[in-house]
N, C-alpha and C. Protein backbone atom coordinates (compact mmCIF):
# COMPACT_ATOMS: atom_id res chain seq x y z
N MET A 1 38.53 -102.16 162.33
CA MET A 1 37.97 -101.44 163.02
C MET A 1 38.79 -99.79 163.08
N LEU A 2 39.94 -100.17 163.68
CA LEU A 2 40.81 -98.62 163.94
C LEU A 2 40.71 -98.03 162.69
N ARG A 3 41.12 -98.29 161.59
CA ARG A 3 40.97 -97.64 160.25
C ARG A 3 39.87 -96.99 160.05
N LYS A 4 38.57 -97.65 160.32
CA LYS A 4 37.14 -96.90 160.09
C LYS A 4 37.10 -95.75 160.99
N TRP A 5 37.54 -96.03 162.66
CA TRP A 5 37.43 -94.87 163.45
C TRP A 5 38.37 -93.67 162.75
N ALA A 6 39.42 -94.12 163.04
CA ALA A 6 40.19 -93.04 162.14
C ALA A 6 40.06 -92.24 161.26
N GLU A 7 39.42 -92.74 159.96
CA GLU A 7 38.79 -92.16 158.82
C GLU A 7 37.98 -91.00 158.87
N GLY A 8 36.75 -91.69 160.18
CA GLY A 8 35.75 -90.86 160.31
C GLY A 8 36.43 -89.77 161.58
N ALA A 9 37.02 -90.12 162.14
CA ALA A 9 37.58 -88.82 163.18
C ALA A 9 38.43 -87.92 162.00
N LEU A 10 38.75 -88.09 161.13
CA LEU A 10 39.91 -87.34 160.50
C LEU A 10 38.54 -86.52 159.52
N ASN A 11 37.91 -87.27 158.93
CA ASN A 11 36.66 -86.70 158.02
C ASN A 11 36.01 -85.67 159.12
N GLN A 12 35.42 -86.04 160.32
CA GLN A 12 34.93 -85.16 161.08
C GLN A 12 35.86 -83.53 161.35
N ALA A 13 36.73 -84.12 161.68
CA ALA A 13 37.85 -83.06 161.99
C ALA A 13 38.18 -81.96 160.72
N GLY A 14 37.65 -82.54 159.45
CA GLY A 14 38.05 -81.79 158.02
C GLY A 14 39.73 -81.70 158.03
N VAL A 15 40.32 -82.81 158.41
CA VAL A 15 42.00 -83.65 157.89
C VAL A 15 41.69 -83.81 156.77
N ARG A 16 42.39 -83.46 156.07
CA ARG A 16 42.56 -84.48 154.68
C ARG A 16 43.81 -85.49 154.70
N TRP A 17 43.13 -86.33 154.14
CA TRP A 17 44.39 -87.71 154.20
C TRP A 17 43.86 -88.33 153.06
N VAL A 18 44.91 -89.34 152.20
CA VAL A 18 44.90 -90.61 151.62
C VAL A 18 45.38 -91.88 152.05
N VAL A 19 44.86 -92.82 151.48
CA VAL A 19 45.80 -94.38 152.04
C VAL A 19 47.07 -94.65 150.98
N VAL A 20 48.27 -94.61 151.67
CA VAL A 20 49.28 -94.98 151.20
C VAL A 20 49.70 -96.39 151.49
N GLN A 21 48.88 -97.04 152.54
CA GLN A 21 49.41 -98.27 152.84
C GLN A 21 48.19 -99.12 153.19
N GLU A 22 48.04 -100.42 152.74
CA GLU A 22 47.16 -100.95 153.22
C GLU A 22 47.62 -102.79 153.26
N SER A 23 47.55 -103.35 154.45
CA SER A 23 48.22 -104.38 154.66
C SER A 23 47.11 -104.85 156.27
N SER A 24 47.28 -106.43 155.70
CA SER A 24 46.40 -107.00 156.96
C SER A 24 47.60 -107.33 158.31
N SER A 25 48.85 -107.30 157.77
CA SER A 25 49.98 -107.27 158.64
C SER A 25 50.09 -106.17 159.43
N VAL A 26 50.23 -106.04 160.55
CA VAL A 26 50.49 -105.17 161.78
C VAL A 26 52.05 -104.73 161.27
N GLU A 27 53.15 -105.87 161.34
CA GLU A 27 54.54 -105.58 160.55
C GLU A 27 54.42 -104.93 159.93
N VAL A 28 53.79 -105.00 158.75
CA VAL A 28 54.23 -104.30 157.87
C VAL A 28 53.91 -102.77 157.61
N LEU A 29 52.41 -102.67 158.47
CA LEU A 29 52.38 -101.20 158.64
C LEU A 29 52.96 -100.39 159.81
N LYS A 30 53.57 -101.25 160.74
CA LYS A 30 54.38 -100.42 161.55
C LYS A 30 55.78 -100.11 160.82
N ALA A 31 56.49 -101.05 159.90
CA ALA A 31 57.45 -100.69 159.38
C ALA A 31 57.02 -99.14 158.23
N SER A 32 55.96 -99.17 157.66
CA SER A 32 55.49 -98.15 156.76
C SER A 32 55.49 -97.22 157.70
N THR A 33 55.38 -97.10 158.82
CA THR A 33 55.29 -95.58 160.02
C THR A 33 56.66 -95.47 160.15
N LEU A 34 57.29 -96.12 160.30
CA LEU A 34 58.39 -96.31 161.15
C LEU A 34 59.46 -95.57 159.82
N ALA A 35 59.27 -95.88 159.01
CA ALA A 35 60.17 -95.72 157.38
C ALA A 35 59.65 -94.11 157.41
N GLY A 36 58.45 -93.47 157.75
CA GLY A 36 57.96 -91.99 157.84
C GLY A 36 57.31 -91.85 156.21
N LEU A 37 57.05 -92.76 156.08
CA LEU A 37 55.92 -93.16 154.96
C LEU A 37 54.07 -92.52 154.76
N ALA A 38 54.11 -92.78 156.00
CA ALA A 38 52.73 -92.90 156.75
C ALA A 38 52.80 -92.71 158.07
N VAL A 39 51.13 -92.20 158.58
CA VAL A 39 50.84 -92.48 160.00
C VAL A 39 49.84 -93.40 160.02
N GLY A 40 50.01 -94.42 161.15
CA GLY A 40 49.09 -95.56 161.20
C GLY A 40 48.05 -95.17 162.71
N VAL A 41 47.52 -96.21 162.58
CA VAL A 41 46.46 -96.35 163.84
C VAL A 41 46.83 -97.78 164.34
N PHE A 42 47.20 -97.73 165.75
CA PHE A 42 47.84 -98.72 166.38
C PHE A 42 47.10 -99.39 167.69
N GLN A 43 47.01 -99.90 167.93
CA GLN A 43 46.53 -99.88 169.75
C GLN A 43 47.76 -99.69 170.25
N GLU A 44 47.37 -98.96 171.78
CA GLU A 44 48.45 -98.33 172.46
C GLU A 44 49.36 -99.42 172.98
N ALA A 45 49.30 -100.57 173.08
CA ALA A 45 50.17 -101.34 173.59
C ALA A 45 51.22 -101.73 172.05
N THR A 46 50.82 -101.37 171.17
CA THR A 46 51.92 -101.52 169.93
C THR A 46 52.22 -100.52 169.89
N VAL A 47 51.76 -98.93 170.22
CA VAL A 47 52.69 -98.15 170.30
C VAL A 47 53.98 -97.71 171.69
N SER A 48 53.53 -98.34 172.70
CA SER A 48 54.15 -98.29 173.70
C SER A 48 55.14 -99.57 173.36
N ALA A 49 55.10 -100.36 172.98
CA ALA A 49 56.31 -101.39 172.44
C ALA A 49 57.31 -101.28 171.71
N VAL A 50 57.23 -100.17 170.85
CA VAL A 50 57.86 -100.06 169.51
C VAL A 50 58.69 -98.69 170.10
N ASP A 51 60.03 -98.78 169.91
CA ASP A 51 60.54 -97.72 169.61
C ASP A 51 60.26 -96.60 168.95
N ASN A 52 60.23 -95.14 169.14
CA ASN A 52 59.91 -94.16 167.70
C ASN A 52 58.46 -94.12 167.18
N LEU A 53 57.72 -94.91 167.74
CA LEU A 53 56.29 -94.58 167.78
C LEU A 53 55.95 -94.18 168.75
N ARG A 54 55.08 -93.13 168.49
CA ARG A 54 54.30 -92.36 169.22
C ARG A 54 52.84 -91.93 169.09
N THR A 55 51.99 -91.49 169.98
CA THR A 55 50.81 -91.26 169.80
C THR A 55 50.82 -89.55 169.37
N LEU A 56 50.30 -89.49 168.11
CA LEU A 56 49.81 -87.95 167.68
C LEU A 56 48.76 -87.28 168.63
N THR A 57 48.62 -86.19 168.69
CA THR A 57 47.92 -85.65 169.56
C THR A 57 46.99 -84.36 169.04
N PRO A 58 46.13 -83.76 169.62
CA PRO A 58 44.97 -83.38 168.99
C PRO A 58 45.80 -81.70 168.88
N GLU A 59 46.78 -81.19 169.68
CA GLU A 59 47.76 -80.32 169.32
C GLU A 59 48.36 -80.49 168.21
N GLU A 60 49.02 -81.52 167.60
CA GLU A 60 49.67 -81.93 166.35
C GLU A 60 48.26 -81.90 165.11
N GLY A 61 47.18 -81.56 165.68
CA GLY A 61 46.08 -81.77 164.19
C GLY A 61 45.32 -82.92 164.27
N PHE A 62 45.83 -83.78 165.40
CA PHE A 62 45.08 -84.85 164.87
C PHE A 62 43.66 -85.48 165.74
N PRO A 63 42.92 -86.00 165.36
CA PRO A 63 41.77 -85.98 166.38
C PRO A 63 41.67 -87.14 167.50
N THR A 64 41.38 -86.96 168.77
CA THR A 64 41.48 -88.31 169.63
C THR A 64 40.41 -89.30 168.92
N LEU A 65 41.05 -90.62 169.16
CA LEU A 65 39.98 -91.81 168.76
C LEU A 65 39.31 -92.33 169.95
N PRO A 66 38.65 -92.85 169.48
CA PRO A 66 37.65 -93.80 170.74
C PRO A 66 38.68 -94.70 171.74
N SER A 67 38.56 -95.32 172.94
CA SER A 67 39.42 -96.18 173.32
C SER A 67 38.55 -97.37 173.42
N THR A 68 39.15 -98.48 173.15
CA THR A 68 38.44 -99.82 173.25
C THR A 68 39.02 -100.83 174.44
N GLU A 69 38.35 -101.96 174.31
CA GLU A 69 38.73 -102.73 175.24
C GLU A 69 38.42 -104.07 174.59
N MET A 70 39.05 -104.86 174.93
CA MET A 70 39.19 -106.29 174.35
C MET A 70 39.43 -107.21 175.52
N TRP A 71 38.19 -108.66 175.33
CA TRP A 71 38.19 -109.45 176.22
C TRP A 71 38.47 -110.89 175.27
N LEU A 72 39.26 -111.84 176.11
CA LEU A 72 39.16 -113.06 175.68
C LEU A 72 38.81 -113.98 176.80
N GLU A 73 37.69 -114.68 176.34
CA GLU A 73 37.20 -115.56 177.49
C GLU A 73 37.07 -117.07 176.90
N ARG A 74 37.22 -117.88 177.95
CA ARG A 74 37.18 -119.46 177.36
C ARG A 74 36.04 -120.29 177.97
N ALA A 75 35.59 -121.30 177.27
CA ALA A 75 34.55 -121.79 178.48
C ALA A 75 35.28 -122.77 179.43
N ASP A 76 34.30 -123.41 180.03
CA ASP A 76 34.94 -123.84 181.12
C ASP A 76 34.62 -125.23 181.20
N ARG A 77 35.03 -126.00 179.99
CA ARG A 77 34.66 -127.34 179.63
C ARG A 77 35.97 -127.61 178.72
N GLU A 78 36.08 -128.61 178.55
CA GLU A 78 37.05 -129.34 177.38
C GLU A 78 36.57 -128.87 176.19
N LEU A 79 37.40 -128.35 175.55
CA LEU A 79 37.07 -127.40 174.16
C LEU A 79 38.10 -128.66 173.07
N PRO A 80 37.33 -128.42 171.76
CA PRO A 80 38.05 -129.20 170.69
C PRO A 80 39.30 -129.03 170.21
N ARG A 81 39.91 -129.53 169.57
CA ARG A 81 41.45 -129.37 169.58
C ARG A 81 41.74 -127.58 168.58
N ALA A 82 40.67 -127.48 167.70
CA ALA A 82 40.77 -126.24 167.04
C ALA A 82 40.50 -125.07 167.99
N ALA A 83 40.02 -124.91 168.84
CA ALA A 83 39.13 -123.94 169.73
C ALA A 83 40.37 -123.81 170.29
N ARG A 84 40.98 -124.92 171.31
CA ARG A 84 41.98 -124.63 171.97
C ARG A 84 43.29 -124.30 171.10
N CYS A 85 43.66 -124.45 170.24
CA CYS A 85 44.89 -123.56 169.19
C CYS A 85 44.30 -122.21 169.21
N LEU A 86 43.15 -121.91 168.36
CA LEU A 86 42.63 -120.87 168.45
C LEU A 86 43.26 -119.68 169.72
N TYR A 87 42.61 -120.33 170.82
CA TYR A 87 42.58 -119.62 171.99
C TYR A 87 44.42 -119.40 172.47
N GLU A 88 45.32 -120.72 171.88
CA GLU A 88 46.28 -120.18 172.60
C GLU A 88 47.18 -119.42 171.53
N PHE A 89 47.07 -119.51 170.48
CA PHE A 89 47.26 -118.47 169.18
C PHE A 89 47.28 -117.24 169.57
N LEU A 90 46.24 -116.84 170.09
CA LEU A 90 45.62 -115.36 170.30
C LEU A 90 46.12 -114.99 171.62
N LEU A 91 46.36 -115.55 172.71
CA LEU A 91 47.34 -115.33 174.17
C LEU A 91 48.68 -115.06 173.49
N GLU A 92 49.59 -115.57 172.66
CA GLU A 92 50.45 -115.67 172.35
C GLU A 92 50.45 -114.32 171.48
N GLN A 93 49.52 -113.90 170.39
CA GLN A 93 49.77 -112.71 169.55
C GLN A 93 49.16 -111.64 170.22
N LEU A 94 48.12 -111.56 170.76
CA LEU A 94 47.57 -110.35 171.21
C LEU A 94 48.58 -109.67 172.41
N PRO A 95 48.46 -107.89 172.80
CA PRO A 95 49.16 -107.67 173.43
C PRO A 95 49.09 -108.14 175.27
N PRO A 96 50.09 -107.52 176.01
CA PRO A 96 50.01 -108.44 176.93
C PRO A 96 48.68 -107.83 177.79
N TRP A 97 48.28 -109.24 178.59
CA TRP A 97 46.40 -108.96 179.36
C TRP A 97 46.83 -108.23 180.36
N ASP A 98 46.03 -107.54 180.82
CA ASP A 98 46.29 -107.12 182.58
C ASP A 98 45.50 -107.95 183.30
N GLY A 99 46.00 -108.91 183.92
CA GLY A 99 45.41 -109.98 184.89
C GLY A 99 45.02 -111.13 184.14
């Protein structure tokens, strides 16, 4: 989703771009960005949690991307083990929750 938004915003702004790194791993993408090989599209929580990552601005020629919101809800009943494991995994892996 983030990549699709970035591509659309760059195209609409007339900014030329090429894909230099593709990965399903955020860690790989962060490493490529930190090495100076690319710019990346990350959630704000990721940028603020990593030294030397920063948000590129319209003043630098980069378009503003839409903001998003994420919710994780759980049923108020006993869940199957697989659903409980997934819920716990997401709580551990996703950025810190506000409340």
